[in-house]
N, C-alpha and C. Protein backbone atom coordinates (compact mmCIF):
# COMPACT_ATOMS: atom_id res chain seq x y z
N UNK A 1 0.77 -1.09 0.06
CA UNK A 1 -0.04 -0.05 0.00
C UNK A 1 0.86 1.26 0.07
N UNK A 2 0.44 2.25 -0.71
CA UNK A 2 1.18 3.48 -0.75
C UNK A 2 0.88 4.37 0.49
N UNK A 3 1.40 5.59 0.68
CA UNK A 3 1.39 6.39 1.79
C UNK A 3 -0.09 6.88 1.86
N UNK A 4 -0.64 7.16 0.81
CA UNK A 4 -2.13 7.70 0.83
C UNK A 4 -3.10 6.59 1.46
N UNK A 5 -2.92 5.40 0.96
CA UNK A 5 -3.76 4.48 1.49
C UNK A 5 -3.52 4.16 2.93
N UNK A 6 -2.26 4.17 3.36
CA UNK A 6 -1.80 4.03 4.91
C UNK A 6 -2.47 5.07 5.71
N UNK A 7 -2.49 6.31 5.10
CA UNK A 7 -2.99 7.43 5.79
C UNK A 7 -4.57 7.30 6.07
N UNK A 8 -5.27 6.87 4.82
CA UNK A 8 -6.64 6.67 5.03
C UNK A 8 -7.00 5.51 5.89
N UNK A 9 -6.22 4.43 6.01
CA UNK A 9 -6.44 3.27 6.80
C UNK A 9 -6.40 3.84 8.27
N UNK A 10 -5.33 4.40 8.61
CA UNK A 10 -5.21 5.14 9.98
C UNK A 10 -6.45 5.95 10.35
N UNK A 11 -6.91 6.69 9.56
CA UNK A 11 -7.95 7.66 9.82
C UNK A 11 -9.24 6.74 10.02
N UNK A 12 -9.35 5.72 9.23
CA UNK A 12 -10.73 4.98 9.36
C UNK A 12 -10.66 4.03 10.41
N UNK A 13 -9.57 3.39 10.66
CA UNK A 13 -9.40 2.32 11.58
C UNK A 13 -10.02 2.53 12.83
N UNK A 14 -10.09 3.70 13.40
CA UNK A 14 -10.43 3.93 14.74
C UNK A 14 -12.02 3.78 14.83
N UNK A 15 -12.71 3.99 13.74
CA UNK A 15 -14.30 4.00 13.76
C UNK A 15 -14.69 2.77 13.04
N UNK A 16 -14.09 2.18 12.27
CA UNK A 16 -14.38 0.97 11.33
C UNK A 16 -14.74 -0.17 12.21
N UNK A 17 -15.95 -0.67 12.04
CA UNK A 17 -16.44 -1.87 12.82
C UNK A 17 -16.22 -3.22 12.41
N UNK A 18 -15.72 -3.37 11.04
CA UNK A 18 -15.13 -4.63 10.54
C UNK A 18 -13.91 -4.95 10.95
N UNK A 19 -13.26 -6.01 10.40
CA UNK A 19 -11.76 -6.14 10.71
C UNK A 19 -10.92 -5.46 9.72
N UNK A 20 -9.71 -5.39 10.04
CA UNK A 20 -8.63 -4.65 9.31
C UNK A 20 -8.48 -5.06 7.94
N UNK A 21 -8.53 -6.30 7.66
CA UNK A 21 -8.44 -6.80 6.28
C UNK A 21 -9.51 -6.34 5.40
N UNK A 22 -10.71 -6.29 5.91
CA UNK A 22 -12.01 -5.86 5.23
C UNK A 22 -11.61 -4.44 4.81
N UNK A 23 -11.23 -3.53 5.76
CA UNK A 23 -11.00 -2.26 5.62
C UNK A 23 -9.86 -1.92 4.51
N UNK A 24 -8.73 -2.77 4.60
CA UNK A 24 -7.76 -2.61 3.59
C UNK A 24 -8.30 -3.00 2.13
N UNK A 25 -9.19 -3.99 2.21
CA UNK A 25 -9.71 -4.24 0.79
C UNK A 25 -10.51 -3.25 0.15
N UNK A 26 -11.41 -2.62 1.15
CA UNK A 26 -12.24 -1.34 0.74
C UNK A 26 -11.41 -0.35 0.16
N UNK A 27 -10.21 -0.01 0.88
CA UNK A 27 -9.46 1.16 0.56
C UNK A 27 -8.65 0.82 -0.81
N UNK A 28 -7.95 -0.32 -0.82
CA UNK A 28 -7.27 -0.74 -1.91
C UNK A 28 -8.14 -0.78 -3.44
N UNK A 29 -9.41 -1.16 -3.10
CA UNK A 29 -10.28 -1.25 -4.23
C UNK A 29 -10.87 0.12 -4.53
N UNK A 30 -10.60 1.21 -3.76
CA UNK A 30 -11.28 2.48 -3.82
C UNK A 30 -12.84 2.43 -3.87
N UNK A 31 -13.38 1.56 -2.94
CA UNK A 31 -14.74 1.25 -2.91
C UNK A 31 -15.62 2.56 -2.50
N UNK A 32 -16.59 2.80 -3.36
CA UNK A 32 -17.54 3.88 -2.86
C UNK A 32 -18.52 3.27 -1.98
N UNK A 33 -18.98 3.85 -1.05
CA UNK A 33 -20.10 3.50 -0.16
C UNK A 33 -21.25 4.42 -0.06
N UNK A 34 -22.42 3.95 0.14
CA UNK A 34 -23.48 4.83 0.30
C UNK A 34 -23.47 5.38 1.68
N UNK A 35 -24.27 6.27 2.14
CA UNK A 35 -24.29 6.73 3.41
C UNK A 35 -24.79 5.90 4.32
N UNK A 36 -25.63 5.01 4.06
CA UNK A 36 -26.19 3.87 4.88
C UNK A 36 -25.04 2.82 5.18
N UNK A 37 -24.14 2.55 4.05
CA UNK A 37 -23.07 1.54 4.29
C UNK A 37 -22.20 2.11 5.29
N UNK A 38 -21.79 3.45 5.04
CA UNK A 38 -20.88 4.18 5.87
C UNK A 38 -21.39 4.05 7.46
N UNK A 39 -22.65 4.30 7.58
CA UNK A 39 -23.19 4.26 8.94
C UNK A 39 -23.14 2.83 9.46
N UNK A 40 -23.40 1.84 8.71
CA UNK A 40 -23.36 0.42 9.31
C UNK A 40 -21.90 0.03 9.51
N UNK A 41 -20.84 0.53 8.96
CA UNK A 41 -19.61 0.27 9.09
C UNK A 41 -18.85 1.11 10.13
N UNK A 42 -19.78 2.10 10.78
CA UNK A 42 -19.21 2.87 11.69
C UNK A 42 -18.37 4.14 11.28
N UNK A 43 -18.38 4.22 9.91
CA UNK A 43 -17.62 5.52 9.36
C UNK A 43 -18.24 6.91 9.50
N UNK A 44 -19.54 6.86 10.07
CA UNK A 44 -20.20 8.13 10.16
C UNK A 44 -21.08 7.90 11.37
N UNK A 45 -21.47 8.96 12.05
CA UNK A 45 -22.22 8.71 13.49
C UNK A 45 -23.68 8.80 13.16
N UNK A 46 -24.18 9.59 12.26
CA UNK A 46 -25.54 9.70 12.02
C UNK A 46 -25.87 9.97 10.52
N UNK A 47 -27.20 9.60 10.10
CA UNK A 47 -27.54 10.11 8.75
C UNK A 47 -28.56 11.07 8.86
N UNK A 48 -28.51 11.98 7.94
CA UNK A 48 -29.56 12.99 7.78
C UNK A 48 -30.45 12.80 6.80
N UNK A 49 -31.64 13.29 6.81
CA UNK A 49 -32.70 13.15 5.83
C UNK A 49 -32.41 14.27 4.67
N UNK A 50 -32.72 13.84 3.43
CA UNK A 50 -32.53 14.73 2.42
C UNK A 50 -33.44 15.86 2.48
N UNK A 51 -32.89 17.05 2.29
CA UNK A 51 -33.89 18.17 2.35
C UNK A 51 -34.45 18.47 0.94
N UNK A 52 -35.81 18.67 0.93
CA UNK A 52 -36.40 18.94 -0.39
C UNK A 52 -36.28 20.22 -0.86
N UNK A 53 -35.86 20.58 -1.99
CA UNK A 53 -35.72 21.99 -2.41
C UNK A 53 -36.98 22.58 -2.54
N UNK A 54 -36.75 23.94 -2.05
CA UNK A 54 -38.15 24.75 -2.06
C UNK A 54 -38.67 24.96 -3.47
N UNK A 55 -39.83 25.32 -3.66
CA UNK A 55 -40.46 25.29 -4.96
C UNK A 55 -39.84 26.37 -5.84
N UNK A 56 -39.31 27.46 -5.29
CA UNK A 56 -38.85 28.55 -6.23
C UNK A 56 -37.50 28.23 -6.60
N UNK A 57 -36.66 27.18 -6.22
CA UNK A 57 -35.49 26.73 -6.57
C UNK A 57 -35.51 25.92 -8.00
N UNK A 58 -34.75 26.47 -8.88
CA UNK A 58 -34.93 25.81 -10.14
C UNK A 58 -33.97 24.73 -10.16
N UNK A 59 -34.36 23.60 -10.98
CA UNK A 59 -33.51 22.47 -11.15
C UNK A 59 -32.47 22.84 -12.13
N UNK A 60 -31.57 21.93 -12.29
CA UNK A 60 -30.43 22.15 -13.24
C UNK A 60 -30.99 22.12 -14.69
N UNK A 61 -31.88 21.50 -15.03
CA UNK A 61 -32.43 21.39 -16.37
C UNK A 61 -33.21 22.57 -16.67
N UNK A 62 -33.94 23.20 -15.63
CA UNK A 62 -34.59 24.38 -15.79
C UNK A 62 -33.68 25.51 -16.06
N UNK A 63 -32.51 25.56 -15.27
CA UNK A 63 -31.58 26.62 -15.53
C UNK A 63 -30.99 26.51 -16.84
N UNK A 64 -30.60 25.32 -17.39
CA UNK A 64 -30.01 25.17 -18.59
C UNK A 64 -30.93 25.53 -19.66
N UNK A 65 -32.19 25.04 -19.65
CA UNK A 65 -33.14 25.48 -20.78
C UNK A 65 -33.43 27.08 -20.56
N UNK A 66 -33.35 27.68 -19.50
CA UNK A 66 -33.51 29.10 -19.55
C UNK A 66 -32.36 29.77 -20.18
N UNK A 67 -31.06 29.31 -19.94
CA UNK A 67 -30.00 29.80 -20.64
C UNK A 67 -30.02 29.70 -21.96
N UNK A 68 -30.36 28.45 -22.47
CA UNK A 68 -30.46 28.17 -23.95
C UNK A 68 -31.53 28.89 -24.59
N UNK A 69 -32.68 29.23 -23.89
CA UNK A 69 -33.79 30.06 -24.48
C UNK A 69 -33.21 31.48 -24.74
N UNK A 70 -32.69 31.93 -23.69
CA UNK A 70 -32.06 33.35 -23.88
C UNK A 70 -30.94 33.35 -25.11
N UNK A 71 -30.29 32.35 -25.16
CA UNK A 71 -29.25 32.39 -26.26
C UNK A 71 -29.91 32.26 -27.70
N UNK A 72 -31.17 31.54 -27.79
CA UNK A 72 -31.86 31.49 -29.10
C UNK A 72 -32.46 32.88 -29.24
N UNK A 73 -33.11 33.48 -28.30
CA UNK A 73 -33.76 34.86 -28.48
C UNK A 73 -32.73 35.80 -28.92
N UNK A 74 -31.49 35.75 -28.24
CA UNK A 74 -30.31 36.68 -28.67
C UNK A 74 -29.93 36.42 -30.18
N UNK A 75 -29.78 35.03 -30.51
CA UNK A 75 -29.39 34.81 -31.82
C UNK A 75 -30.41 35.16 -32.88
N UNK A 76 -31.64 35.00 -32.55
CA UNK A 76 -32.68 35.45 -33.48
C UNK A 76 -32.66 36.95 -33.55
N UNK A 77 -32.55 37.63 -32.49
CA UNK A 77 -32.37 39.12 -32.59
C UNK A 77 -31.25 39.70 -33.43
N UNK A 78 -29.95 38.93 -33.26
CA UNK A 78 -28.83 39.40 -34.14
C UNK A 78 -29.21 38.98 -35.51
N UNK A 79 -29.99 37.84 -35.79
CA UNK A 79 -30.31 37.51 -37.16
C UNK A 79 -31.12 38.71 -37.76
N UNK A 80 -32.13 39.09 -37.02
CA UNK A 80 -33.15 40.18 -37.70
C UNK A 80 -32.40 41.39 -37.85
N UNK A 81 -31.43 41.83 -36.94
CA UNK A 81 -30.62 43.05 -36.99
C UNK A 81 -29.72 42.89 -38.31
N UNK A 82 -29.22 41.80 -38.55
CA UNK A 82 -28.30 41.53 -39.64
C UNK A 82 -29.12 41.71 -40.91
N UNK A 83 -30.31 41.10 -41.00
CA UNK A 83 -31.17 41.29 -42.19
C UNK A 83 -31.62 42.69 -42.28
N UNK A 84 -31.94 43.37 -41.11
CA UNK A 84 -32.42 44.78 -41.40
C UNK A 84 -31.30 45.70 -41.77
N UNK A 85 -30.02 45.41 -41.41
CA UNK A 85 -28.82 46.13 -41.76
C UNK A 85 -28.57 45.88 -43.43
N UNK A 86 -28.74 44.67 -43.80
CA UNK A 86 -28.59 44.36 -45.20
C UNK A 86 -29.76 45.19 -46.03
N UNK A 87 -30.92 45.19 -45.53
CA UNK A 87 -32.02 45.69 -46.24
C UNK A 87 -31.78 47.26 -46.38
N UNK A 88 -31.28 47.70 -45.21
CA UNK A 88 -30.98 49.20 -44.99
C UNK A 88 -29.91 49.63 -46.19
N UNK A 89 -28.95 48.69 -46.26
CA UNK A 89 -27.80 49.08 -47.20
C UNK A 89 -28.46 49.15 -48.58
N UNK A 90 -29.32 48.05 -49.07
CA UNK A 90 -29.79 48.03 -50.38
C UNK A 90 -30.70 49.33 -50.60
N UNK A 91 -31.37 49.77 -49.48
CA UNK A 91 -32.21 50.88 -49.68
C UNK A 91 -31.41 52.14 -49.79
N UNK A 92 -30.35 52.20 -49.23
CA UNK A 92 -29.44 53.43 -49.41
C UNK A 92 -28.80 53.39 -50.78
N UNK A 93 -28.51 52.37 -51.32
CA UNK A 93 -27.93 52.18 -52.66
C UNK A 93 -28.90 52.49 -53.69
N UNK A 94 -30.17 52.24 -53.45
CA UNK A 94 -31.20 52.55 -54.56
C UNK A 94 -31.60 54.06 -54.63
N UNK A 95 -31.35 54.68 -53.63
CA UNK A 95 -31.62 56.14 -53.56
C UNK A 95 -30.74 56.96 -54.36
């Protein structure tokens, strides 16, 4: 094991409820654990309930869609401006 694994083992060893070989295996394999699994193995002392977001908080998709819509509107406005500029140029040349 390298120094990082050794440091992790030392930090977790005090709280871990399993045997040291199991802990070494978890660390060596870089195992990801759920909150419930951490609790059951003694790696955390309590679990918290997930807080529900408030209604006025936008989801990531809503934020992304809002930004994309603004970009579409801006692109359309630039397209109209460009068309108007071209039309104005032709109008000036005709006079």
